[in-house]
Amino acid sequence: MNLFYNYDSISEIYDELMQFIPYKGWAKYVNELFFQHSGRGNRVLDLGGGTGNLSIPLSEMGFDVLLIDKSYKMLLEAQKKILGRRVSVLCSDIRHLALRDTYDFAV
């Protein structure tokens, strides 16, 4: 039994399906928590970040975001939206990450 959904099949309609999720409010909450508990650094991992809906407002708040998702097609959708923003993408299974750099927090 496969417990992991293949998001490639819905990548083109994912944003429409998720349009009611308050990503900007979520990003604001993450920002407040980060500065309340740490306050240092600005490097963020967005694990399973899909089409970048959380990465974008975090980048607008001044964070450098590495958006990681297992779905190549979800990342293609993200790349359409992140041009000129402080967001990089990596196609990888977050259960098996081997990153060279360090990050200040992950969402």
PDB file of N, CA and C in Angstrom:
ATOM      1  N   MET A   1       0.838  -1.178   0.000  1.00  0.00           N
ATOM      2  CA  MET A   1       0.000   0.000   0.000  1.00  0.00           C
ATOM      3  C   MET A   1       0.889   1.249   0.000  1.00  0.00           C
ATOM      4  N   ASN A   2       0.630   2.156  -0.924  1.00  0.00           N
ATOM      5  CA  ASN A   2       1.406   3.388  -1.025  1.00  0.00           C
ATOM      6  C   ASN A   2       0.719   4.493  -0.227  1.00  0.00           C
ATOM      7  N   LEU A   3       1.393   5.007   0.781  1.00  0.00           N
ATOM      8  CA  LEU A   3       0.823   6.047   1.630  1.00  0.00           C
ATOM      9  C   LEU A   3       1.059   7.451   1.093  1.00  0.00           C
ATOM     10  N   PHE A   4       1.799   7.579   0.011  1.00  0.00           N
ATOM     11  CA  PHE A   4       2.168   8.884  -0.511  1.00  0.00           C
ATOM     12  C   PHE A   4       1.471   9.148  -1.838  1.00  0.00           C
ATOM     13  N   TYR A   5       0.763  10.266  -1.906  1.00  0.00           N
ATOM     14  CA  TYR A   5       0.009  10.638  -3.091  1.00  0.00           C
ATOM     15  C   TYR A   5       0.946  11.216  -4.148  1.00  0.00           C
ATOM     16  N   ASN A   6       0.664  10.921  -5.396  1.00  0.00           N
ATOM     17  CA  ASN A   6       1.437  11.460  -6.513  1.00  0.00           C
ATOM     18  C   ASN A   6       0.829  12.797  -6.932  1.00  0.00           C
ATOM     19  N   TYR A   7       1.412  13.873  -6.466  1.00  0.00           N
ATOM     20  CA  TYR A   7       0.879  15.203  -6.751  1.00  0.00           C
ATOM     21  C   TYR A   7       1.124  15.656  -8.183  1.00  0.00           C
ATOM     22  N   ASP A   8       1.954  14.951  -8.933  1.00  0.00           N
ATOM     23  CA  ASP A   8       2.145  15.300 -10.342  1.00  0.00           C
ATOM     24  C   ASP A   8       0.810  15.332 -11.073  1.00  0.00           C
ATOM     25  N   SER A   9      -0.089  14.445 -10.705  1.00  0.00           N
ATOM     26  CA  SER A   9      -1.361  14.322 -11.420  1.00  0.00           C
ATOM     27  C   SER A   9      -2.297  15.506 -11.192  1.00  0.00           C
ATOM     28  N   ILE A  10      -2.082  16.288 -10.134  1.00  0.00           N
ATOM     29  CA  ILE A  10      -2.956  17.439  -9.874  1.00  0.00           C
ATOM     30  C   ILE A  10      -2.195  18.761  -9.860  1.00  0.00           C
ATOM     31  N   SER A  11      -0.961  18.750 -10.306  1.00  0.00           N
ATOM     32  CA  SER A  11      -0.118  19.943 -10.195  1.00  0.00           C
ATOM     33  C   SER A  11      -0.722  21.175 -10.871  1.00  0.00           C
ATOM     34  N   GLU A  12      -1.386  20.987 -11.993  1.00  0.00           N
ATOM     35  CA  GLU A  12      -1.924  22.132 -12.734  1.00  0.00           C
ATOM     36  C   GLU A  12      -3.170  22.726 -12.083  1.00  0.00           C
ATOM     37  N   ILE A  13      -3.850  21.975 -11.231  1.00  0.00           N
ATOM     38  CA  ILE A  13      -5.059  22.491 -10.577  1.00  0.00           C
ATOM     39  C   ILE A  13      -4.888  22.646  -9.066  1.00  0.00           C
ATOM     40  N   TYR A  14      -3.708  22.347  -8.563  1.00  0.00           N
ATOM     41  CA  TYR A  14      -3.461  22.380  -7.117  1.00  0.00           C
ATOM     42  C   TYR A  14      -3.780  23.747  -6.513  1.00  0.00           C
ATOM     43  N   ASP A  15      -3.313  24.817  -7.137  1.00  0.00           N
ATOM     44  CA  ASP A  15      -3.547  26.152  -6.583  1.00  0.00           C
ATOM     45  C   ASP A  15      -5.033  26.471  -6.517  1.00  0.00           C
ATOM     46  N   GLU A  16      -5.778  26.031  -7.498  1.00  0.00           N
ATOM     47  CA  GLU A  16      -7.228  26.242  -7.479  1.00  0.00           C
ATOM     48  C   GLU A  16      -7.867  25.463  -6.326  1.00  0.00           C
ATOM     49  N   LEU A  17      -7.427  24.240  -6.125  1.00  0.00           N
ATOM     50  CA  LEU A  17      -7.959  23.423  -5.030  1.00  0.00           C
ATOM     51  C   LEU A  17      -7.630  24.019  -3.667  1.00  0.00           C
ATOM     52  N   MET A  18      -6.493  24.680  -3.563  1.00  0.00           N
ATOM     53  CA  MET A  18      -6.012  25.198  -2.282  1.00  0.00           C
ATOM     54  C   MET A  18      -6.239  26.699  -2.115  1.00  0.00           C
ATOM     55  N   GLN A  19      -7.077  27.294  -2.942  1.00  0.00           N
ATOM     56  CA  GLN A  19      -7.236  28.744  -2.942  1.00  0.00           C
ATOM     57  C   GLN A  19      -7.771  29.319  -1.631  1.00  0.00           C
ATOM     58  N   PHE A  20      -8.384  28.511  -0.801  1.00  0.00           N
ATOM     59  CA  PHE A  20      -8.956  29.017   0.441  1.00  0.00           C
ATOM     60  C   PHE A  20      -8.011  28.892   1.640  1.00  0.00           C
ATOM     61  N   ILE A  21      -6.833  28.353   1.415  1.00  0.00           N
ATOM     62  CA  ILE A  21      -5.840  28.248   2.483  1.00  0.00           C
ATOM     63  C   ILE A  21      -5.192  29.626   2.671  1.00  0.00           C
ATOM     64  N   PRO A  22      -5.181  30.160   3.887  1.00  0.00           N
ATOM     65  CA  PRO A  22      -4.619  31.506   4.120  1.00  0.00           C
ATOM     66  C   PRO A  22      -3.085  31.484   4.233  1.00  0.00           C
ATOM     67  N   TYR A  23      -2.422  31.291   3.109  1.00  0.00           N
ATOM     68  CA  TYR A  23      -0.959  31.164   3.114  1.00  0.00           C
ATOM     69  C   TYR A  23      -0.251  32.402   3.653  1.00  0.00           C
ATOM     70  N   LYS A  24      -0.756  33.593   3.320  1.00  0.00           N
ATOM     71  CA  LYS A  24      -0.102  34.815   3.821  1.00  0.00           C
ATOM     72  C   LYS A  24      -0.208  34.911   5.340  1.00  0.00           C
ATOM     73  N   GLY A  25      -1.355  34.530   5.875  1.00  0.00           N
ATOM     74  CA  GLY A  25      -1.520  34.515   7.327  1.00  0.00           C
ATOM     75  C   GLY A  25      -0.631  33.477   7.979  1.00  0.00           C
ATOM     76  N   TRP A  26      -0.508  32.340   7.328  1.00  0.00           N
ATOM     77  CA  TRP A  26       0.353  31.267   7.816  1.00  0.00           C
ATOM     78  C   TRP A  26       1.812  31.746   7.828  1.00  0.00           C
ATOM     79  N   ALA A  27       2.221  32.417   6.756  1.00  0.00           N
ATOM     80  CA  ALA A  27       3.593  32.935   6.674  1.00  0.00           C
ATOM     81  C   ALA A  27       3.846  33.968   7.771  1.00  0.00           C
ATOM     82  N   LYS A  28       2.864  34.814   8.021  1.00  0.00           N
ATOM     83  CA  LYS A  28       3.005  35.818   9.084  1.00  0.00           C
ATOM     84  C   LYS A  28       3.188  35.130  10.438  1.00  0.00           C
ATOM     85  N   TYR A  29       2.422  34.086  10.691  1.00  0.00           N
ATOM     86  CA  TYR A  29       2.531  33.332  11.940  1.00  0.00           C
ATOM     87  C   TYR A  29       3.911  32.683  12.065  1.00  0.00           C
ATOM     88  N   VAL A  30       4.386  32.077  10.989  1.00  0.00           N
ATOM     89  CA  VAL A  30       5.716  31.459  10.983  1.00  0.00           C
ATOM     90  C   VAL A  30       6.780  32.515  11.276  1.00  0.00           C
ATOM     91  N   ASN A  31       6.655  33.670  10.655  1.00  0.00           N
ATOM     92  CA  ASN A  31       7.592  34.771  10.861  1.00  0.00           C
ATOM     93  C   ASN A  31       7.612  35.198  12.331  1.00  0.00           C
ATOM     94  N   GLU A  32       6.441  35.360  12.923  1.00  0.00           N
ATOM     95  CA  GLU A  32       6.358  35.767  14.327  1.00  0.00           C
ATOM     96  C   GLU A  32       6.976  34.718  15.248  1.00  0.00           C
ATOM     97  N   LEU A  33       6.674  33.449  15.001  1.00  0.00           N
ATOM     98  CA  LEU A  33       7.246  32.378  15.822  1.00  0.00           C
ATOM     99  C   LEU A  33       8.760  32.341  15.713  1.00  0.00           C
ATOM    100  N   PHE A  34       9.254  32.500  14.507  1.00  0.00           N
ATOM    101  CA  PHE A  34      10.697  32.460  14.291  1.00  0.00           C
ATOM    102  C   PHE A  34      11.394  33.548  15.096  1.00  0.00           C
ATOM    103  N   PHE A  35      10.910  34.774  14.981  1.00  0.00           N
ATOM    104  CA  PHE A  35      11.574  35.874  15.674  1.00  0.00           C
ATOM    105  C   PHE A  35      11.350  35.828  17.180  1.00  0.00           C
ATOM    106  N   GLN A  36      10.262  35.222  17.612  1.00  0.00           N
ATOM    107  CA  GLN A  36      10.011  35.071  19.043  1.00  0.00           C
ATOM    108  C   GLN A  36      10.992  34.073  19.661  1.00  0.00           C
ATOM    109  N   HIS A  37      11.326  33.014  18.933  1.00  0.00           N
ATOM    110  CA  HIS A  37      12.146  31.948  19.493  1.00  0.00           C
ATOM    111  C   HIS A  37      13.614  31.990  19.075  1.00  0.00           C
ATOM    112  N   SER A  38      13.905  32.640  17.975  1.00  0.00           N
ATOM    113  CA  SER A  38      15.292  32.660  17.520  1.00  0.00           C
ATOM    114  C   SER A  38      15.707  34.068  17.125  1.00  0.00           C
ATOM    115  N   GLY A  39      15.092  34.549  16.065  1.00  0.00           N
ATOM    116  CA  GLY A  39      15.371  35.899  15.628  1.00  0.00           C
ATOM    117  C   GLY A  39      16.648  36.088  14.850  1.00  0.00           C
ATOM    118  N   ARG A  40      17.390  35.013  14.635  1.00  0.00           N
ATOM    119  CA  ARG A  40      18.651  35.133  13.900  1.00  0.00           C
ATOM    120  C   ARG A  40      18.547  34.332  12.609  1.00  0.00           C
ATOM    121  N   GLY A  41      19.160  34.871  11.569  1.00  0.00           N
ATOM    122  CA  GLY A  41      19.208  34.161  10.297  1.00  0.00           C
ATOM    123  C   GLY A  41      17.970  34.387   9.457  1.00  0.00           C
ATOM    124  N   ASN A  42      18.058  33.916   8.230  1.00  0.00           N
ATOM    125  CA  ASN A  42      16.920  34.103   7.338  1.00  0.00           C
ATOM    126  C   ASN A  42      16.792  32.981   6.315  1.00  0.00           C
ATOM    127  N   ARG A  43      17.413  31.845   6.586  1.00  0.00           N
ATOM    128  CA  ARG A  43      17.387  30.739   5.623  1.00  0.00           C
ATOM    129  C   ARG A  43      16.346  29.714   6.042  1.00  0.00           C
ATOM    130  N   VAL A  44      15.400  29.468   5.137  1.00  0.00           N
ATOM    131  CA  VAL A  44      14.248  28.627   5.445  1.00  0.00           C
ATOM    132  C   VAL A  44      14.157  27.453   4.482  1.00  0.00           C
ATOM    133  N   LEU A  45      13.824  26.293   5.025  1.00  0.00           N
ATOM    134  CA  LEU A  45      13.450  25.139   4.206  1.00  0.00           C
ATOM    135  C   LEU A  45      11.931  25.059   4.192  1.00  0.00           C
ATOM    136  N   ASP A  46      11.340  25.031   3.018  1.00  0.00           N
ATOM    137  CA  ASP A  46       9.901  24.800   2.879  1.00  0.00           C
ATOM    138  C   ASP A  46       9.753  23.358   2.409  1.00  0.00           C
ATOM    139  N   LEU A  47       9.548  22.458   3.360  1.00  0.00           N
ATOM    140  CA  LEU A  47       9.512  21.025   3.078  1.00  0.00           C
ATOM    141  C   LEU A  47       8.141  20.608   2.561  1.00  0.00           C
ATOM    142  N   GLY A  48       8.123  19.982   1.395  1.00  0.00           N
ATOM    143  CA  GLY A  48       6.853  19.604   0.781  1.00  0.00           C
ATOM    144  C   GLY A  48       6.080  20.839   0.353  1.00  0.00           C
ATOM    145  N   GLY A  49       6.808  21.840  -0.114  1.00  0.00           N
ATOM    146  CA  GLY A  49       6.238  23.156  -0.404  1.00  0.00           C
ATOM    147  C   GLY A  49       5.421  23.270  -1.667  1.00  0.00           C
ATOM    148  N   GLY A  50       5.318  22.206  -2.442  1.00  0.00           N
ATOM    149  CA  GLY A  50       4.436  22.190  -3.605  1.00  0.00           C
ATOM    150  C   GLY A  50       4.681  23.305  -4.591  1.00  0.00           C
ATOM    151  N   THR A  51       3.644  24.094  -4.831  1.00  0.00           N
ATOM    152  CA  THR A  51       3.709  25.149  -5.839  1.00  0.00           C
ATOM    153  C   THR A  51       4.212  26.482  -5.289  1.00  0.00           C
ATOM    154  N   GLY A  52       4.711  26.476  -4.065  1.00  0.00           N
ATOM    155  CA  GLY A  52       5.345  27.673  -3.521  1.00  0.00           C
ATOM    156  C   GLY A  52       4.436  28.652  -2.818  1.00  0.00           C
ATOM    157  N   ASN A  53       3.223  28.242  -2.492  1.00  0.00           N
ATOM    158  CA  ASN A  53       2.271  29.176  -1.894  1.00  0.00           C
ATOM    159  C   ASN A  53       2.703  29.725  -0.541  1.00  0.00           C
ATOM    160  N   LEU A  54       3.501  29.002   0.204  1.00  0.00           N
ATOM    161  CA  LEU A  54       4.040  29.517   1.465  1.00  0.00           C
ATOM    162  C   LEU A  54       5.415  30.147   1.250  1.00  0.00           C
ATOM    163  N   SER A  55       6.177  29.609   0.333  1.00  0.00           N
ATOM    164  CA  SER A  55       7.517  30.138   0.048  1.00  0.00           C
ATOM    165  C   SER A  55       7.475  31.589  -0.409  1.00  0.00           C
ATOM    166  N   ILE A  56       6.496  31.931  -1.218  1.00  0.00           N
ATOM    167  CA  ILE A  56       6.424  33.283  -1.782  1.00  0.00           C
ATOM    168  C   ILE A  56       6.238  34.341  -0.699  1.00  0.00           C
ATOM    169  N   PRO A  57       5.223  34.230   0.174  1.00  0.00           N
ATOM    170  CA  PRO A  57       5.117  35.265   1.209  1.00  0.00           C
ATOM    171  C   PRO A  57       6.299  35.270   2.180  1.00  0.00           C
ATOM    172  N   LEU A  58       6.895  34.108   2.436  1.00  0.00           N
ATOM    173  CA  LEU A  58       8.089  34.094   3.287  1.00  0.00           C
ATOM    174  C   LEU A  58       9.231  34.857   2.625  1.00  0.00           C
ATOM    175  N   SER A  59       9.386  34.695   1.317  1.00  0.00           N
ATOM    176  CA  SER A  59      10.444  35.431   0.612  1.00  0.00           C
ATOM    177  C   SER A  59      10.156  36.930   0.629  1.00  0.00           C
ATOM    178  N   GLU A  60       8.878  37.302   0.554  1.00  0.00           N
ATOM    179  CA  GLU A  60       8.501  38.718   0.607  1.00  0.00           C
ATOM    180  C   GLU A  60       8.791  39.327   1.977  1.00  0.00           C
ATOM    181  N   MET A  61       8.871  38.480   3.002  1.00  0.00           N
ATOM    182  CA  MET A  61       9.204  38.942   4.353  1.00  0.00           C
ATOM    183  C   MET A  61      10.712  39.005   4.581  1.00  0.00           C
ATOM    184  N   GLY A  62      11.489  38.659   3.550  1.00  0.00           N
ATOM    185  CA  GLY A  62      12.938  38.772   3.642  1.00  0.00           C
ATOM    186  C   GLY A  62      13.688  37.471   3.837  1.00  0.00           C
ATOM    187  N   PHE A  63      12.985  36.355   3.827  1.00  0.00           N
ATOM    188  CA  PHE A  63      13.646  35.065   3.989  1.00  0.00           C
ATOM    189  C   PHE A  63      14.162  34.548   2.652  1.00  0.00           C
ATOM    190  N   ASP A  64      15.280  33.840   2.710  1.00  0.00           N
ATOM    191  CA  ASP A  64      15.785  33.086   1.562  1.00  0.00           C
ATOM    192  C   ASP A  64      15.247  31.672   1.725  1.00  0.00           C
ATOM    193  N   VAL A  65      14.446  31.231   0.772  1.00  0.00           N
ATOM    194  CA  VAL A  65      13.709  29.981   0.914  1.00  0.00           C
ATOM    195  C   VAL A  65      14.230  28.925  -0.055  1.00  0.00           C
ATOM    196  N   LEU A  66      14.430  27.724   0.462  1.00  0.00           N
ATOM    197  CA  LEU A  66      14.672  26.562  -0.384  1.00  0.00           C
ATOM    198  C   LEU A  66      13.400  25.730  -0.340  1.00  0.00           C
ATOM    199  N   LEU A  67      12.698  25.705  -1.449  1.00  0.00           N
ATOM    200  CA  LEU A  67      11.441  24.970  -1.596  1.00  0.00           C
ATOM    201  C   LEU A  67      11.771  23.559  -2.059  1.00  0.00           C
ATOM    202  N   ILE A  68      11.416  22.583  -1.250  1.00  0.00           N
ATOM    203  CA  ILE A  68      11.712  21.187  -1.570  1.00  0.00           C
ATOM    204  C   ILE A  68      10.402  20.435  -1.729  1.00  0.00           C
ATOM    205  N   ASP A  69      10.288  19.718  -2.823  1.00  0.00           N
ATOM    206  CA  ASP A  69       9.109  18.882  -3.041  1.00  0.00           C
ATOM    207  C   ASP A  69       9.509  17.670  -3.861  1.00  0.00           C
ATOM    208  N   LYS A  70       8.803  16.596  -3.651  1.00  0.00           N
ATOM    209  CA  LYS A  70       9.058  15.344  -4.361  1.00  0.00           C
ATOM    210  C   LYS A  70       8.486  15.375  -5.780  1.00  0.00           C
ATOM    211  N   SER A  71       7.486  16.219  -5.994  1.00  0.00           N
ATOM    212  CA  SER A  71       6.791  16.274  -7.277  1.00  0.00           C
ATOM    213  C   SER A  71       7.448  17.277  -8.227  1.00  0.00           C
ATOM    214  N   TYR A  72       8.024  16.768  -9.282  1.00  0.00           N
ATOM    215  CA  TYR A  72       8.655  17.617 -10.290  1.00  0.00           C
ATOM    216  C   TYR A  72       7.643  18.581 -10.906  1.00  0.00           C
ATOM    217  N   LYS A  73       6.446  18.101 -11.175  1.00  0.00           N
ATOM    218  CA  LYS A  73       5.435  18.956 -11.813  1.00  0.00           C
ATOM    219  C   LYS A  73       4.932  20.051 -10.875  1.00  0.00           C
ATOM    220  N   MET A  74       4.884  19.774  -9.586  1.00  0.00           N
ATOM    221  CA  MET A  74       4.511  20.825  -8.634  1.00  0.00           C
ATOM    222  C   MET A  74       5.581  21.918  -8.644  1.00  0.00           C
ATOM    223  N   LEU A  75       6.832  21.523  -8.725  1.00  0.00           N
ATOM    224  CA  LEU A  75       7.915  22.504  -8.761  1.00  0.00           C
ATOM    225  C   LEU A  75       7.913  23.303 -10.060  1.00  0.00           C
ATOM    226  N   LEU A  76       7.494  22.687 -11.157  1.00  0.00           N
ATOM    227  CA  LEU A  76       7.352  23.439 -12.408  1.00  0.00           C
ATOM    228  C   LEU A  76       6.315  24.545 -12.244  1.00  0.00           C
ATOM    229  N   GLU A  77       5.217  24.231 -11.561  1.00  0.00           N
ATOM    230  CA  GLU A  77       4.192  25.249 -11.297  1.00  0.00           C
ATOM    231  C   GLU A  77       4.761  26.339 -10.382  1.00  0.00           C
ATOM    232  N   ALA A  78       5.538  25.942  -9.394  1.00  0.00           N
ATOM    233  CA  ALA A  78       6.156  26.918  -8.483  1.00  0.00           C
ATOM    234  C   ALA A  78       7.083  27.855  -9.245  1.00  0.00           C
ATOM    235  N   GLN A  79       7.866  27.310 -10.156  1.00  0.00           N
ATOM    236  CA  GLN A  79       8.836  28.129 -10.888  1.00  0.00           C
ATOM    237  C   GLN A  79       8.160  29.217 -11.708  1.00  0.00           C
ATOM    238  N   LYS A  80       6.933  29.001 -12.125  1.00  0.00           N
ATOM    239  CA  LYS A  80       6.191  30.035 -12.861  1.00  0.00           C
ATOM    240  C   LYS A  80       5.902  31.240 -11.970  1.00  0.00           C
ATOM    241  N   LYS A  81       5.809  31.013 -10.659  1.00  0.00           N
ATOM    242  CA  LYS A  81       5.402  32.066  -9.723  1.00  0.00           C
ATOM    243  C   LYS A  81       6.562  32.708  -8.972  1.00  0.00           C
ATOM    244  N   ILE A  82       7.716  32.075  -8.938  1.00  0.00           N
ATOM    245  CA  ILE A  82       8.792  32.569  -8.065  1.00  0.00           C
ATOM    246  C   ILE A  82       9.861  33.376  -8.786  1.00  0.00           C
ATOM    247  N   LEU A  83       9.679  33.645 -10.050  1.00  0.00           N
ATOM    248  CA  LEU A  83      10.673  34.423 -10.793  1.00  0.00           C
ATOM    249  C   LEU A  83      10.961  35.741 -10.085  1.00  0.00           C
ATOM    250  N   GLY A  84      12.236  36.031  -9.886  1.00  0.00           N
ATOM    251  CA  GLY A  84      12.639  37.277  -9.254  1.00  0.00           C
ATOM    252  C   GLY A  84      12.511  37.281  -7.742  1.00  0.00           C
ATOM    253  N   ARG A  85      12.130  36.167  -7.166  1.00  0.00           N
ATOM    254  CA  ARG A  85      11.980  36.087  -5.708  1.00  0.00           C
ATOM    255  C   ARG A  85      13.154  35.323  -5.108  1.00  0.00           C
ATOM    256  N   ARG A  86      13.286  35.416  -3.809  1.00  0.00           N
ATOM    257  CA  ARG A  86      14.384  34.746  -3.103  1.00  0.00           C
ATOM    258  C   ARG A  86      13.979  33.317  -2.749  1.00  0.00           C
ATOM    259  N   VAL A  87      13.627  32.560  -3.781  1.00  0.00           N
ATOM    260  CA  VAL A  87      13.192  31.175  -3.610  1.00  0.00           C
ATOM    261  C   VAL A  87      13.945  30.306  -4.608  1.00  0.00           C
ATOM    262  N   SER A  88      14.550  29.241  -4.109  1.00  0.00           N
ATOM    263  CA  SER A  88      15.178  28.219  -4.950  1.00  0.00           C
ATOM    264  C   SER A  88      14.366  26.948  -4.797  1.00  0.00           C
ATOM    265  N   VAL A  89      14.474  26.057  -5.777  1.00  0.00           N
ATOM    266  CA  VAL A  89      13.719  24.804  -5.701  1.00  0.00           C
ATOM    267  C   VAL A  89      14.659  23.607  -5.775  1.00  0.00           C
ATOM    268  N   LEU A  90      14.220  22.532  -5.140  1.00  0.00           N
ATOM    269  CA  LEU A  90      14.943  21.269  -5.165  1.00  0.00           C
ATOM    270  C   LEU A  90      13.916  20.151  -5.217  1.00  0.00           C
ATOM    271  N   CYS A  91      14.047  19.288  -6.217  1.00  0.00           N
ATOM    272  CA  CYS A  91      13.161  18.134  -6.334  1.00  0.00           C
ATOM    273  C   CYS A  91      13.805  16.978  -5.572  1.00  0.00           C
ATOM    274  N   SER A  92      13.198  16.634  -4.436  1.00  0.00           N
ATOM    275  CA  SER A  92      13.765  15.592  -3.588  1.00  0.00           C
ATOM    276  C   SER A  92      12.699  15.075  -2.628  1.00  0.00           C
ATOM    277  N   ASP A  93      12.878  13.860  -2.200  1.00  0.00           N
ATOM    278  CA  ASP A  93      12.039  13.269  -1.165  1.00  0.00           C
ATOM    279  C   ASP A  93      12.581  13.756   0.180  1.00  0.00           C
ATOM    280  N   ILE A  94      11.773  14.454   0.948  1.00  0.00           N
ATOM    281  CA  ILE A  94      12.262  15.049   2.194  1.00  0.00           C
ATOM    282  C   ILE A  94      12.646  14.002   3.241  1.00  0.00           C
ATOM    283  N   ARG A  95      12.239  12.773   3.027  1.00  0.00           N
ATOM    284  CA  ARG A  95      12.628  11.709   3.962  1.00  0.00           C
ATOM    285  C   ARG A  95      14.084  11.299   3.786  1.00  0.00           C
ATOM    286  N   HIS A  96      14.693  11.719   2.664  1.00  0.00           N
ATOM    287  CA  HIS A  96      16.070  11.308   2.366  1.00  0.00           C
ATOM    288  C   HIS A  96      16.903  12.501   1.909  1.00  0.00           C
ATOM    289  N   LEU A  97      16.895  13.575   2.674  1.00  0.00           N
ATOM    290  CA  LEU A  97      17.626  14.786   2.302  1.00  0.00           C
ATOM    291  C   LEU A  97      19.092  14.702   2.706  1.00  0.00           C
ATOM    292  N   ALA A  98      19.927  15.205   1.837  1.00  0.00           N
ATOM    293  CA  ALA A  98      21.350  15.361   2.141  1.00  0.00           C
ATOM    294  C   ALA A  98      21.740  16.751   1.655  1.00  0.00           C
ATOM    295  N   LEU A  99      21.621  17.733   2.536  1.00  0.00           N
ATOM    296  CA  LEU A  99      21.898  19.121   2.173  1.00  0.00           C
ATOM    297  C   LEU A  99      23.282  19.524   2.658  1.00  0.00           C
ATOM    298  N   ARG A 100      23.997  20.270   1.823  1.00  0.00           N
ATOM    299  CA  ARG A 100      25.326  20.762   2.193  1.00  0.00           C
ATOM    300  C   ARG A 100      25.246  21.990   3.088  1.00  0.00           C
ATOM    301  N   ASP A 101      24.263  22.816   2.831  1.00  0.00           N
ATOM    302  CA  ASP A 101      24.128  24.068   3.572  1.00  0.00           C
ATOM    303  C   ASP A 101      23.323  23.862   4.851  1.00  0.00           C
ATOM    304  N   THR A 102      23.397  24.849   5.730  1.00  0.00           N
ATOM    305  CA  THR A 102      22.584  24.835   6.942  1.00  0.00           C
ATOM    306  C   THR A 102      21.453  25.850   6.792  1.00  0.00           C
ATOM    307  N   TYR A 103      20.394  25.622   7.542  1.00  0.00           N
ATOM    308  CA  TYR A 103      19.213  26.481   7.481  1.00  0.00           C
ATOM    309  C   TYR A 103      18.791  26.841   8.893  1.00  0.00           C
ATOM    310  N   ASP A 104      18.103  27.966   9.012  1.00  0.00           N
ATOM    311  CA  ASP A 104      17.717  28.470  10.321  1.00  0.00           C
ATOM    312  C   ASP A 104      16.436  27.836  10.850  1.00  0.00           C
ATOM    313  N   PHE A 105      15.543  27.472   9.957  1.00  0.00           N
ATOM    314  CA  PHE A 105      14.352  26.744  10.366  1.00  0.00           C
ATOM    315  C   PHE A 105      13.676  26.110   9.159  1.00  0.00           C
ATOM    316  N   ALA A 106      12.746  25.215   9.452  1.00  0.00           N
ATOM    317  CA  ALA A 106      12.019  24.500   8.398  1.00  0.00           C
ATOM    318  C   ALA A 106      10.528  24.551   8.681  1.00  0.00           C
ATOM    319  N   VAL A 107       9.764  24.636   7.608  1.00  0.00           N
ATOM    320  CA  VAL A 107       8.298  24.582   7.709  1.00  0.00           C
ATOM    321  C   VAL A 107       7.784  23.492   6.804  1.00  0.00           C
TER     322      VAL A 107
END
